[in-house]
Every structure is written in C-alpha cells, then in structure tokens.
Amino acid sequence: QKGIVIGAGGGQLKKIGSAARRAM
C-alpha cells in the first residue's frame, strides 16, 4: 500500500500534499 500512496516518481504523494496544503 505504501507504493500506491507514493505513486510513480512520488507523483501521487505530491498531489495529495499539494491539495491538502491548499486546504490548510
């Protein structure tokens, strides 16, 4: 599951982080 959350090249994790940061 860790790899799924991180995504290829960290892309999924970056997307999660960017959206969460904007909401914060």
PDB file of all heavy atoms in Angstrom:
ATOM      1  N   GLN A   1       0.821  -1.208   0.000  1.00  0.00           N
ATOM      2  CA  GLN A   1       0.000   0.000   0.000  1.00  0.00           C
ATOM      3  C   GLN A   1       0.860   1.266   0.000  1.00  0.00           C
ATOM      4  O   GLN A   1       0.428   2.305  -0.501  1.00  0.00           O
ATOM      5  CB  GLN A   1      -0.926   0.000   1.214  1.00  0.00           C
ATOM      6  CG  GLN A   1      -1.937  -1.138   1.201  1.00  0.00           C
ATOM      7  CD  GLN A   1      -2.650  -1.287   2.526  1.00  0.00           C
ATOM      8  OE1 GLN A   1      -2.186  -0.816   3.562  1.00  0.00           O
ATOM      9  NE2 GLN A   1      -3.784  -1.996   2.509  1.00  0.00           N
ATOM     10  N   LYS A   2       2.036   1.149   0.541  1.00  0.00           N
ATOM     11  CA  LYS A   2       2.927   2.307   0.616  1.00  0.00           C
ATOM     12  C   LYS A   2       3.241   2.839  -0.783  1.00  0.00           C
ATOM     13  O   LYS A   2       3.198   4.054  -1.030  1.00  0.00           O
ATOM     14  CB  LYS A   2       4.217   1.915   1.350  1.00  0.00           C
ATOM     15  CG  LYS A   2       5.220   3.038   1.538  1.00  0.00           C
ATOM     16  CD  LYS A   2       6.410   2.543   2.359  1.00  0.00           C
ATOM     17  CE  LYS A   2       7.455   3.640   2.528  1.00  0.00           C
ATOM     18  NZ  LYS A   2       8.614   3.156   3.337  1.00  0.00           N
ATOM     19  N   GLY A   3       3.568   1.934  -1.705  1.00  0.00           N
ATOM     20  CA  GLY A   3       3.897   2.349  -3.061  1.00  0.00           C
ATOM     21  C   GLY A   3       2.725   2.993  -3.774  1.00  0.00           C
ATOM     22  O   GLY A   3       2.899   3.911  -4.587  1.00  0.00           O
ATOM     23  N   ILE A   4       1.514   2.538  -3.472  1.00  0.00           N
ATOM     24  CA  ILE A   4       0.318   3.112  -4.105  1.00  0.00           C
ATOM     25  C   ILE A   4       0.121   4.553  -3.650  1.00  0.00           C
ATOM     26  O   ILE A   4      -0.204   5.439  -4.442  1.00  0.00           O
ATOM     27  CB  ILE A   4      -0.920   2.262  -3.783  1.00  0.00           C
ATOM     28  CG1 ILE A   4      -0.766   0.855  -4.366  1.00  0.00           C
ATOM     29  CG2 ILE A   4      -2.184   2.922  -4.328  1.00  0.00           C
ATOM     30  CD1 ILE A   4      -1.866  -0.101  -3.942  1.00  0.00           C
ATOM     31  N   VAL A   5       0.319   4.798  -2.360  1.00  0.00           N
ATOM     32  CA  VAL A   5       0.162   6.162  -1.836  1.00  0.00           C
ATOM     33  C   VAL A   5       1.227   7.090  -2.406  1.00  0.00           C
ATOM     34  O   VAL A   5       0.941   8.238  -2.762  1.00  0.00           O
ATOM     35  CB  VAL A   5       0.209   6.158  -0.289  1.00  0.00           C
ATOM     36  CG1 VAL A   5       0.148   7.591   0.251  1.00  0.00           C
ATOM     37  CG2 VAL A   5      -0.933   5.327   0.286  1.00  0.00           C
ATOM     38  N   ILE A   6       2.456   6.577  -2.524  1.00  0.00           N
ATOM     39  CA  ILE A   6       3.547   7.416  -3.038  1.00  0.00           C
ATOM     40  C   ILE A   6       3.393   7.641  -4.538  1.00  0.00           C
ATOM     41  O   ILE A   6       3.570   8.761  -5.040  1.00  0.00           O
ATOM     42  CB  ILE A   6       4.908   6.770  -2.716  1.00  0.00           C
ATOM     43  CG1 ILE A   6       5.128   6.755  -1.201  1.00  0.00           C
ATOM     44  CG2 ILE A   6       6.042   7.522  -3.423  1.00  0.00           C
ATOM     45  CD1 ILE A   6       6.350   5.985  -0.757  1.00  0.00           C
ATOM     46  N   GLY A   7       3.044   6.594  -5.282  1.00  0.00           N
ATOM     47  CA  GLY A   7       2.852   6.718  -6.717  1.00  0.00           C
ATOM     48  C   GLY A   7       4.160   6.741  -7.478  1.00  0.00           C
ATOM     49  O   GLY A   7       5.252   6.845  -6.902  1.00  0.00           O
ATOM     50  N   ALA A   8       4.080   6.635  -8.801  1.00  0.00           N
ATOM     51  CA  ALA A   8       5.273   6.634  -9.655  1.00  0.00           C
ATOM     52  C   ALA A   8       6.016   7.948  -9.527  1.00  0.00           C
ATOM     53  O   ALA A   8       5.433   9.020  -9.717  1.00  0.00           O
ATOM     54  CB  ALA A   8       4.864   6.398 -11.110  1.00  0.00           C
ATOM     55  N   GLY A   9       7.290   7.847  -9.169  1.00  0.00           N
ATOM     56  CA  GLY A   9       8.106   9.048  -9.022  1.00  0.00           C
ATOM     57  C   GLY A   9       7.633   9.983  -7.926  1.00  0.00           C
ATOM     58  O   GLY A   9       7.971  11.171  -7.929  1.00  0.00           O
ATOM     59  N   GLY A  10       6.834   9.447  -6.994  1.00  0.00           N
ATOM     60  CA  GLY A  10       6.307  10.277  -5.897  1.00  0.00           C
ATOM     61  C   GLY A  10       5.156  11.165  -6.320  1.00  0.00           C
ATOM     62  O   GLY A  10       4.731  12.042  -5.552  1.00  0.00           O
ATOM     63  N   GLY A  11       4.618  10.931  -7.526  1.00  0.00           N
ATOM     64  CA  GLY A  11       3.589  11.821  -8.060  1.00  0.00           C
ATOM     65  C   GLY A  11       2.299  11.854  -7.266  1.00  0.00           C
ATOM     66  O   GLY A  11       1.710  12.919  -7.071  1.00  0.00           O
ATOM     67  N   GLN A  12       1.864  10.681  -6.806  1.00  0.00           N
ATOM     68  CA  GLN A  12       0.608  10.642  -6.043  1.00  0.00           C
ATOM     69  C   GLN A  12       0.746  11.371  -4.714  1.00  0.00           C
ATOM     70  O   GLN A  12      -0.142  12.126  -4.300  1.00  0.00           O
ATOM     71  CB  GLN A  12       0.190   9.193  -5.814  1.00  0.00           C
ATOM     72  CG  GLN A  12      -1.152   9.009  -5.120  1.00  0.00           C
ATOM     73  CD  GLN A  12      -2.321   9.350  -6.005  1.00  0.00           C
ATOM     74  OE1 GLN A  12      -2.619  10.530  -6.228  1.00  0.00           O
ATOM     75  NE2 GLN A  12      -2.983   8.335  -6.538  1.00  0.00           N
ATOM     76  N   LEU A  13       1.863  11.163  -4.039  1.00  0.00           N
ATOM     77  CA  LEU A  13       2.085  11.806  -2.746  1.00  0.00           C
ATOM     78  C   LEU A  13       2.161  13.329  -2.900  1.00  0.00           C
ATOM     79  O   LEU A  13       1.648  14.081  -2.059  1.00  0.00           O
ATOM     80  CB  LEU A  13       3.363  11.269  -2.097  1.00  0.00           C
ATOM     81  CG  LEU A  13       3.592  11.665  -0.638  1.00  0.00           C
ATOM     82  CD1 LEU A  13       2.474  11.126   0.247  1.00  0.00           C
ATOM     83  CD2 LEU A  13       4.944  11.139  -0.149  1.00  0.00           C
ATOM     84  N   LYS A  14       2.798  13.782  -3.993  1.00  0.00           N
ATOM     85  CA  LYS A  14       2.861  15.227  -4.250  1.00  0.00           C
ATOM     86  C   LYS A  14       1.462  15.800  -4.463  1.00  0.00           C
ATOM     87  O   LYS A  14       1.143  16.895  -3.986  1.00  0.00           O
ATOM     88  CB  LYS A  14       3.735  15.500  -5.475  1.00  0.00           C
ATOM     89  CG  LYS A  14       5.220  15.265  -5.245  1.00  0.00           C
ATOM     90  CD  LYS A  14       6.016  15.489  -6.532  1.00  0.00           C
ATOM     91  CE  LYS A  14       7.485  15.161  -6.322  1.00  0.00           C
ATOM     92  NZ  LYS A  14       8.263  15.275  -7.588  1.00  0.00           N
ATOM     93  N   LYS A  15       0.638  15.061  -5.187  1.00  0.00           N
ATOM     94  CA  LYS A  15      -0.729  15.527  -5.456  1.00  0.00           C
ATOM     95  C   LYS A  15      -1.517  15.624  -4.149  1.00  0.00           C
ATOM     96  O   LYS A  15      -2.238  16.604  -3.910  1.00  0.00           O
ATOM     97  CB  LYS A  15      -1.408  14.567  -6.421  1.00  0.00           C
ATOM     98  CG  LYS A  15      -2.749  15.064  -6.964  1.00  0.00           C
ATOM     99  CD  LYS A  15      -3.403  14.038  -7.869  1.00  0.00           C
ATOM    100  CE  LYS A  15      -2.564  13.754  -9.115  1.00  0.00           C
ATOM    101  NZ  LYS A  15      -3.271  12.806 -10.036  1.00  0.00           N
ATOM    102  N   ILE A  16      -1.381  14.601  -3.306  1.00  0.00           N
ATOM    103  CA  ILE A  16      -2.055  14.605  -2.004  1.00  0.00           C
ATOM    104  C   ILE A  16      -1.583  15.789  -1.172  1.00  0.00           C
ATOM    105  O   ILE A  16      -2.389  16.533  -0.593  1.00  0.00           O
ATOM    106  CB  ILE A  16      -1.794  13.281  -1.258  1.00  0.00           C
ATOM    107  CG1 ILE A  16      -2.479  12.118  -1.980  1.00  0.00           C
ATOM    108  CG2 ILE A  16      -2.256  13.351   0.201  1.00  0.00           C
ATOM    109  CD1 ILE A  16      -2.000  10.747  -1.543  1.00  0.00           C
ATOM    110  N   GLY A  17      -0.270  15.979  -1.123  1.00  0.00           N
ATOM    111  CA  GLY A  17       0.299  17.055  -0.317  1.00  0.00           C
ATOM    112  C   GLY A  17      -0.101  18.432  -0.810  1.00  0.00           C
ATOM    113  O   GLY A  17      -0.430  19.325  -0.006  1.00  0.00           O
ATOM    114  N   SER A  18      -0.092  18.655  -2.106  1.00  0.00           N
ATOM    115  CA  SER A  18      -0.437  19.968  -2.661  1.00  0.00           C
ATOM    116  C   SER A  18      -1.885  20.337  -2.353  1.00  0.00           C
ATOM    117  O   SER A  18      -2.193  21.463  -1.946  1.00  0.00           O
ATOM    118  CB  SER A  18      -0.199  19.993  -4.169  1.00  0.00           C
ATOM    119  OG  SER A  18       1.175  19.843  -4.455  1.00  0.00           O
ATOM    120  N   ALA A  19      -2.787  19.377  -2.558  1.00  0.00           N
ATOM    121  CA  ALA A  19      -4.204  19.651  -2.306  1.00  0.00           C
ATOM    122  C   ALA A  19      -4.462  19.887  -0.822  1.00  0.00           C
ATOM    123  O   ALA A  19      -5.228  20.780  -0.440  1.00  0.00           O
ATOM    124  CB  ALA A  19      -5.057  18.501  -2.825  1.00  0.00           C
ATOM    125  N   ALA A  20      -3.834  19.082   0.037  1.00  0.00           N
ATOM    126  CA  ALA A  20      -4.019  19.248   1.482  1.00  0.00           C
ATOM    127  C   ALA A  20      -3.442  20.588   1.946  1.00  0.00           C
ATOM    128  O   ALA A  20      -4.048  21.276   2.774  1.00  0.00           O
ATOM    129  CB  ALA A  20      -3.354  18.094   2.232  1.00  0.00           C
ATOM    130  N   ARG A  21      -2.287  20.971   1.416  1.00  0.00           N
ATOM    131  CA  ARG A  21      -1.684  22.249   1.810  1.00  0.00           C
ATOM    132  C   ARG A  21      -2.584  23.420   1.445  1.00  0.00           C
ATOM    133  O   ARG A  21      -2.784  24.343   2.246  1.00  0.00           O
ATOM    134  CB  ARG A  21      -0.316  22.408   1.133  1.00  0.00           C
ATOM    135  CG  ARG A  21       0.349  23.755   1.399  1.00  0.00           C
ATOM    136  CD  ARG A  21       1.637  23.912   0.618  1.00  0.00           C
ATOM    137  NE  ARG A  21       1.457  23.679  -0.805  1.00  0.00           N
ATOM    138  CZ  ARG A  21       0.909  24.575  -1.644  1.00  0.00           C
ATOM    139  NH1 ARG A  21       0.477  25.752  -1.187  1.00  0.00           N
ATOM    140  NH2 ARG A  21       0.787  24.288  -2.928  1.00  0.00           N
ATOM    141  N   ARG A  22      -3.162  23.400   0.245  1.00  0.00           N
ATOM    142  CA  ARG A  22      -4.043  24.494  -0.161  1.00  0.00           C
ATOM    143  C   ARG A  22      -5.270  24.578   0.758  1.00  0.00           C
ATOM    144  O   ARG A  22      -5.722  25.667   1.120  1.00  0.00           O
ATOM    145  CB  ARG A  22      -4.472  24.305  -1.613  1.00  0.00           C
ATOM    146  CG  ARG A  22      -3.359  24.526  -2.614  1.00  0.00           C
ATOM    147  CD  ARG A  22      -3.893  24.633  -4.035  1.00  0.00           C
ATOM    148  NE  ARG A  22      -4.533  23.403  -4.487  1.00  0.00           N
ATOM    149  CZ  ARG A  22      -3.907  22.420  -5.119  1.00  0.00           C
ATOM    150  NH1 ARG A  22      -2.596  22.520  -5.371  1.00  0.00           N
ATOM    151  NH2 ARG A  22      -4.558  21.345  -5.509  1.00  0.00           N
ATOM    152  N   ALA A  23      -5.798  23.411   1.135  1.00  0.00           N
ATOM    153  CA  ALA A  23      -6.953  23.401   2.035  1.00  0.00           C
ATOM    154  C   ALA A  23      -6.584  23.960   3.405  1.00  0.00           C
ATOM    155  O   ALA A  23      -7.358  24.700   4.026  1.00  0.00           O
ATOM    156  CB  ALA A  23      -7.498  21.977   2.168  1.00  0.00           C
ATOM    157  N   MET A  24      -5.389  23.635   3.890  1.00  0.00           N
ATOM    158  CA  MET A  24      -4.924  24.173   5.169  1.00  0.00           C
ATOM    159  C   MET A  24      -4.767  25.684   5.105  1.00  0.00           C
ATOM    160  O   MET A  24      -5.138  26.407   6.043  1.00  0.00           O
ATOM    161  CB  MET A  24      -3.592  23.519   5.559  1.00  0.00           C
ATOM    162  CG  MET A  24      -3.682  22.057   5.938  1.00  0.00           C
ATOM    163  SD  MET A  24      -2.035  21.361   6.257  1.00  0.00           S
ATOM    164  CE  MET A  24      -2.365  19.607   6.090  1.00  0.00           C
TER     165      MET A  24
END
